[in-house]
């Protein structure tokens, strides 16, 4: 028995077990980010639905994020844990494996931000989805490429066609 096994054999308090669930932690994270956004935008003028101020959309999105976080939090709190003897030990239980999704999704977003001006929208979104898709071993390459194509079309429709932002679709090589 290793030190790691003895730590796993120790019973965990039921409240701590509930707080360690992915949905509970995700819901709390969304609520915290939304609260930070609301606090940050507290001095922005809101305006009205017809004459929106600079704080209207950010605050609206923060409230939506907070609502989604609350829904996810409640779902996580209502989940039932499988009995300890039925819970399989998986390779994903290690700390490095648990940090993999966070690190790769963050790296994908950073790569997107750095590559957007140089590579254009289509290739930057492809880079984002390929890097972020490595966060899980369950995605197939065609699913990643389909997501990249869909995100590219959606992003182009919203930001370039809809809002008229001067974002290049392809690089200017």
C-alpha atoms as a PDB file:
ATOM      1  CA  UNK A   1       0.000   0.000   0.000  1.00  0.00           C
ATOM      2  CA  UNK A   2       1.471   3.331  -1.021  1.00  0.00           C
ATOM      3  CA  UNK A   3       0.938   6.674   0.643  1.00  0.00           C
ATOM      4  CA  UNK A   4      -1.480   7.575  -2.144  1.00  0.00           C
ATOM      5  CA  UNK A   5      -3.555   4.424  -1.494  1.00  0.00           C
ATOM      6  CA  UNK A   6      -3.761   5.113   2.245  1.00  0.00           C
ATOM      7  CA  UNK A   7      -4.975   8.624   1.501  1.00  0.00           C
ATOM      8  CA  UNK A   8      -7.694   7.193  -0.761  1.00  0.00           C
ATOM      9  CA  UNK A   9      -8.731   4.637   1.855  1.00  0.00           C
ATOM     10  CA  UNK A  10      -9.436   7.350   4.427  1.00  0.00           C
ATOM     11  CA  UNK A  11     -13.154   8.239   4.522  1.00  0.00           C
ATOM     12  CA  UNK A  12     -14.038  11.666   3.177  1.00  0.00           C
ATOM     13  CA  UNK A  13     -16.593  13.868   4.901  1.00  0.00           C
ATOM     14  CA  UNK A  14     -19.873  13.868   2.887  1.00  0.00           C
ATOM     15  CA  UNK A  15     -19.863  17.675   2.517  1.00  0.00           C
ATOM     16  CA  UNK A  16     -16.301  17.632   1.194  1.00  0.00           C
ATOM     17  CA  UNK A  17     -17.238  14.806  -1.184  1.00  0.00           C
ATOM     18  CA  UNK A  18     -20.066  16.953  -2.578  1.00  0.00           C
ATOM     19  CA  UNK A  19     -17.795  19.969  -2.968  1.00  0.00           C
ATOM     20  CA  UNK A  20     -15.217  17.905  -4.901  1.00  0.00           C
ATOM     21  CA  UNK A  21     -17.678  17.007  -7.676  1.00  0.00           C
ATOM     22  CA  UNK A  22     -16.908  18.462 -11.090  1.00  0.00           C
ATOM     23  CA  UNK A  23     -20.323  20.110 -11.509  1.00  0.00           C
ATOM     24  CA  UNK A  24     -20.195  21.712  -8.079  1.00  0.00           C
ATOM     25  CA  UNK A  25     -16.730  23.134  -8.697  1.00  0.00           C
ATOM     26  CA  UNK A  26     -17.664  24.255 -12.222  1.00  0.00           C
ATOM     27  CA  UNK A  27     -20.817  25.966 -10.980  1.00  0.00           C
ATOM     28  CA  UNK A  28     -18.881  27.748  -8.233  1.00  0.00           C
ATOM     29  CA  UNK A  29     -16.232  28.821 -10.745  1.00  0.00           C
ATOM     30  CA  UNK A  30     -18.874  30.245 -13.133  1.00  0.00           C
ATOM     31  CA  UNK A  31     -20.573  32.090 -10.289  1.00  0.00           C
ATOM     32  CA  UNK A  32     -17.229  33.520  -9.097  1.00  0.00           C
ATOM     33  CA  UNK A  33     -16.268  34.690 -12.605  1.00  0.00           C
ATOM     34  CA  UNK A  34     -19.705  36.266 -13.081  1.00  0.00           C
ATOM     35  CA  UNK A  35     -19.495  38.007  -9.706  1.00  0.00           C
ATOM     36  CA  UNK A  36     -16.043  39.334 -10.611  1.00  0.00           C
ATOM     37  CA  UNK A  37     -17.390  40.585 -13.950  1.00  0.00           C
ATOM     38  CA  UNK A  38     -20.351  42.278 -12.277  1.00  0.00           C
ATOM     39  CA  UNK A  39     -18.057  43.923  -9.732  1.00  0.00           C
ATOM     40  CA  UNK A  40     -15.635  45.051 -12.463  1.00  0.00           C
ATOM     41  CA  UNK A  41     -18.418  46.548 -14.577  1.00  0.00           C
ATOM     42  CA  UNK A  42     -20.221  48.220 -11.680  1.00  0.00           C
ATOM     43  CA  UNK A  43     -19.309  51.750 -12.852  1.00  0.00           C
ATOM     44  CA  UNK A  44     -20.087  51.223 -16.541  1.00  0.00           C
ATOM     45  CA  UNK A  45     -23.210  53.012 -17.802  1.00  0.00           C
ATOM     46  CA  UNK A  46     -25.948  50.480 -18.480  1.00  0.00           C
ATOM     47  CA  UNK A  47     -28.459  52.507 -20.470  1.00  0.00           C
ATOM     48  CA  UNK A  48     -31.616  50.771 -21.687  1.00  0.00           C
ATOM     49  CA  UNK A  49     -32.449  48.014 -24.127  1.00  0.00           C
ATOM     50  CA  UNK A  50     -32.971  50.598 -26.883  1.00  0.00           C
ATOM     51  CA  UNK A  51     -29.930  52.735 -26.029  1.00  0.00           C
ATOM     52  CA  UNK A  52     -27.388  50.345 -24.575  1.00  0.00           C
ATOM     53  CA  UNK A  53     -24.469  51.711 -22.626  1.00  0.00           C
ATOM     54  CA  UNK A  54     -21.020  50.138 -22.482  1.00  0.00           C
ATOM     55  CA  UNK A  55     -21.970  48.066 -19.449  1.00  0.00           C
ATOM     56  CA  UNK A  56     -25.224  46.606 -20.775  1.00  0.00           C
ATOM     57  CA  UNK A  57     -23.945  43.524 -22.616  1.00  0.00           C
ATOM     58  CA  UNK A  58     -21.117  42.641 -20.186  1.00  0.00           C
ATOM     59  CA  UNK A  59     -23.472  42.797 -17.227  1.00  0.00           C
ATOM     60  CA  UNK A  60     -26.160  40.853 -19.093  1.00  0.00           C
ATOM     61  CA  UNK A  61     -23.640  38.138 -19.950  1.00  0.00           C
ATOM     62  CA  UNK A  62     -22.422  38.036 -16.338  1.00  0.00           C
ATOM     63  CA  UNK A  63     -25.983  37.529 -15.102  1.00  0.00           C
ATOM     64  CA  UNK A  64     -26.514  34.749 -17.666  1.00  0.00           C
ATOM     65  CA  UNK A  65     -23.232  33.125 -16.616  1.00  0.00           C
ATOM     66  CA  UNK A  66     -24.217  33.377 -12.968  1.00  0.00           C
ATOM     67  CA  UNK A  67     -27.575  31.724 -13.715  1.00  0.00           C
ATOM     68  CA  UNK A  68     -25.900  28.902 -15.627  1.00  0.00           C
ATOM     69  CA  UNK A  69     -23.415  28.506 -12.790  1.00  0.00           C
ATOM     70  CA  UNK A  70     -26.255  28.221 -10.295  1.00  0.00           C
ATOM     71  CA  UNK A  71     -27.993  25.577 -12.420  1.00  0.00           C
ATOM     72  CA  UNK A  72     -24.786  23.555 -12.758  1.00  0.00           C
ATOM     73  CA  UNK A  73     -24.092  23.935  -9.026  1.00  0.00           C
ATOM     74  CA  UNK A  74     -27.542  22.642  -8.088  1.00  0.00           C
ATOM     75  CA  UNK A  75     -27.182  19.701 -10.506  1.00  0.00           C
ATOM     76  CA  UNK A  76     -23.850  18.835  -8.929  1.00  0.00           C
ATOM     77  CA  UNK A  77     -25.269  19.009  -5.419  1.00  0.00           C
ATOM     78  CA  UNK A  78     -28.190  16.741  -6.369  1.00  0.00           C
ATOM     79  CA  UNK A  79     -26.011  14.037  -7.983  1.00  0.00           C
ATOM     80  CA  UNK A  80     -25.588  10.755  -6.186  1.00  0.00           C
ATOM     81  CA  UNK A  81     -22.112   9.338  -5.620  1.00  0.00           C
ATOM     82  CA  UNK A  82     -21.525   5.703  -6.519  1.00  0.00           C
ATOM     83  CA  UNK A  83     -20.512   3.560  -3.541  1.00  0.00           C
ATOM     84  CA  UNK A  84     -16.757   3.671  -2.882  1.00  0.00           C
ATOM     85  CA  UNK A  85     -16.238  -0.026  -3.670  1.00  0.00           C
ATOM     86  CA  UNK A  86     -17.868   0.410  -7.114  1.00  0.00           C
ATOM     87  CA  UNK A  87     -15.872   3.513  -8.087  1.00  0.00           C
ATOM     88  CA  UNK A  88     -13.117   2.388 -10.457  1.00  0.00           C
ATOM     89  CA  UNK A  89      -9.634   3.827 -10.219  1.00  0.00           C
ATOM     90  CA  UNK A  90      -8.761   5.377 -13.547  1.00  0.00           C
ATOM     91  CA  UNK A  91      -5.527   6.824 -14.898  1.00  0.00           C
ATOM     92  CA  UNK A  92      -7.372  10.158 -15.048  1.00  0.00           C
ATOM     93  CA  UNK A  93      -7.341  10.303 -11.253  1.00  0.00           C
ATOM     94  CA  UNK A  94      -3.765  11.659 -11.112  1.00  0.00           C
ATOM     95  CA  UNK A  95      -3.073  15.356 -10.606  1.00  0.00           C
ATOM     96  CA  UNK A  96      -1.364  15.777 -13.983  1.00  0.00           C
ATOM     97  CA  UNK A  97      -4.291  14.117 -15.761  1.00  0.00           C
ATOM     98  CA  UNK A  98      -6.742  16.333 -13.916  1.00  0.00           C
ATOM     99  CA  UNK A  99      -4.854  19.497 -14.875  1.00  0.00           C
ATOM    100  CA  UNK A 100      -4.507  18.453 -18.528  1.00  0.00           C
ATOM    101  CA  UNK A 101      -7.883  19.885 -19.681  1.00  0.00           C
ATOM    102  CA  UNK A 102      -7.345  23.200 -17.904  1.00  0.00           C
ATOM    103  CA  UNK A 103      -3.834  23.612 -19.287  1.00  0.00           C
ATOM    104  CA  UNK A 104      -4.669  22.601 -22.864  1.00  0.00           C
ATOM    105  CA  UNK A 105      -7.846  24.681 -23.149  1.00  0.00           C
ATOM    106  CA  UNK A 106      -5.986  27.686 -21.734  1.00  0.00           C
ATOM    107  CA  UNK A 107      -3.094  27.125 -24.164  1.00  0.00           C
ATOM    108  CA  UNK A 108      -5.593  26.856 -27.031  1.00  0.00           C
ATOM    109  CA  UNK A 109      -7.141  30.207 -26.108  1.00  0.00           C
ATOM    110  CA  UNK A 110      -3.727  31.850 -25.797  1.00  0.00           C
ATOM    111  CA  UNK A 111      -2.660  30.413 -29.164  1.00  0.00           C
ATOM    112  CA  UNK A 112      -5.879  31.734 -30.728  1.00  0.00           C
ATOM    113  CA  UNK A 113      -5.316  35.217 -29.337  1.00  0.00           C
ATOM    114  CA  UNK A 114      -1.704  35.329 -30.494  1.00  0.00           C
ATOM    115  CA  UNK A 115      -2.405  33.879 -33.955  1.00  0.00           C
ATOM    116  CA  UNK A 116      -5.548  35.795 -34.927  1.00  0.00           C
ATOM    117  CA  UNK A 117      -3.879  38.769 -36.614  1.00  0.00           C
ATOM    118  CA  UNK A 118      -1.248  36.678 -38.367  1.00  0.00           C
ATOM    119  CA  UNK A 119      -3.129  33.533 -39.388  1.00  0.00           C
ATOM    120  CA  UNK A 120      -6.623  34.911 -39.781  1.00  0.00           C
ATOM    121  CA  UNK A 121      -9.858  33.720 -38.240  1.00  0.00           C
ATOM    122  CA  UNK A 122     -10.151  30.298 -39.901  1.00  0.00           C
ATOM    123  CA  UNK A 123      -6.652  29.021 -39.117  1.00  0.00           C
ATOM    124  CA  UNK A 124      -6.673  30.530 -35.614  1.00  0.00           C
ATOM    125  CA  UNK A 125      -9.914  28.744 -34.759  1.00  0.00           C
ATOM    126  CA  UNK A 126      -8.501  25.530 -36.226  1.00  0.00           C
ATOM    127  CA  UNK A 127      -5.424  25.952 -33.994  1.00  0.00           C
ATOM    128  CA  UNK A 128      -7.650  26.621 -30.972  1.00  0.00           C
ATOM    129  CA  UNK A 129      -9.825  23.556 -31.513  1.00  0.00           C
ATOM    130  CA  UNK A 130      -6.923  21.204 -32.253  1.00  0.00           C
ATOM    131  CA  UNK A 131      -4.987  22.250 -29.134  1.00  0.00           C
ATOM    132  CA  UNK A 132      -8.068  22.252 -26.898  1.00  0.00           C
ATOM    133  CA  UNK A 133      -9.300  18.914 -28.287  1.00  0.00           C
ATOM    134  CA  UNK A 134      -6.173  17.255 -26.891  1.00  0.00           C
ATOM    135  CA  UNK A 135      -7.662  17.869 -23.440  1.00  0.00           C
ATOM    136  CA  UNK A 136      -9.656  14.662 -23.885  1.00  0.00           C
ATOM    137  CA  UNK A 137      -8.832  11.395 -25.548  1.00  0.00           C
ATOM    138  CA  UNK A 138     -12.450  10.827 -26.558  1.00  0.00           C
ATOM    139  CA  UNK A 139     -12.621  13.244 -29.519  1.00  0.00           C
ATOM    140  CA  UNK A 140     -11.956  12.016 -33.019  1.00  0.00           C
ATOM    141  CA  UNK A 141     -10.166  14.154 -35.600  1.00  0.00           C
ATOM    142  CA  UNK A 142     -13.292  14.584 -37.743  1.00  0.00           C
ATOM    143  CA  UNK A 143     -15.201  15.878 -34.695  1.00  0.00           C
ATOM    144  CA  UNK A 144     -12.453  18.416 -34.050  1.00  0.00           C
ATOM    145  CA  UNK A 145     -12.419  19.558 -37.678  1.00  0.00           C
ATOM    146  CA  UNK A 146     -16.224  19.810 -37.747  1.00  0.00           C
ATOM    147  CA  UNK A 147     -16.169  21.906 -34.575  1.00  0.00           C
ATOM    148  CA  UNK A 148     -13.483  24.158 -36.073  1.00  0.00           C
ATOM    149  CA  UNK A 149     -15.520  24.639 -39.264  1.00  0.00           C
ATOM    150  CA  UNK A 150     -18.715  25.370 -37.330  1.00  0.00           C
ATOM    151  CA  UNK A 151     -16.985  27.822 -34.991  1.00  0.00           C
ATOM    152  CA  UNK A 152     -15.345  29.569 -37.928  1.00  0.00           C
ATOM    153  CA  UNK A 153     -18.652  30.062 -39.738  1.00  0.00           C
ATOM    154  CA  UNK A 154     -20.456  31.150 -36.569  1.00  0.00           C
ATOM    155  CA  UNK A 155     -17.689  33.539 -35.529  1.00  0.00           C
ATOM    156  CA  UNK A 156     -17.486  35.050 -39.002  1.00  0.00           C
ATOM    157  CA  UNK A 157     -21.267  35.522 -39.116  1.00  0.00           C
ATOM    158  CA  UNK A 158     -21.388  37.225 -35.716  1.00  0.00           C
ATOM    159  CA  UNK A 159     -18.268  39.365 -35.703  1.00  0.00           C
ATOM    160  CA  UNK A 160     -17.449  40.079 -39.347  1.00  0.00           C
ATOM    161  CA  UNK A 161     -20.804  39.971 -41.144  1.00  0.00           C
ATOM    162  CA  UNK A 162     -22.993  41.020 -38.206  1.00  0.00           C
ATOM    163  CA  UNK A 163     -20.865  43.526 -36.307  1.00  0.00           C
ATOM    164  CA  UNK A 164     -18.602  44.559 -39.176  1.00  0.00           C
ATOM    165  CA  UNK A 165     -15.334  43.995 -37.308  1.00  0.00           C
ATOM    166  CA  UNK A 166     -12.266  44.018 -39.571  1.00  0.00           C
ATOM    167  CA  UNK A 167     -11.066  40.491 -38.771  1.00  0.00           C
ATOM    168  CA  UNK A 168      -9.293  38.756 -41.663  1.00  0.00           C
ATOM    169  CA  UNK A 169     -10.656  35.311 -42.498  1.00  0.00           C
ATOM    170  CA  UNK A 170      -7.387  34.081 -44.024  1.00  0.00           C
ATOM    171  CA  UNK A 171      -3.756  35.186 -43.630  1.00  0.00           C
ATOM    172  CA  UNK A 172      -2.325  37.868 -45.949  1.00  0.00           C
ATOM    173  CA  UNK A 173       0.778  35.899 -46.977  1.00  0.00           C
END
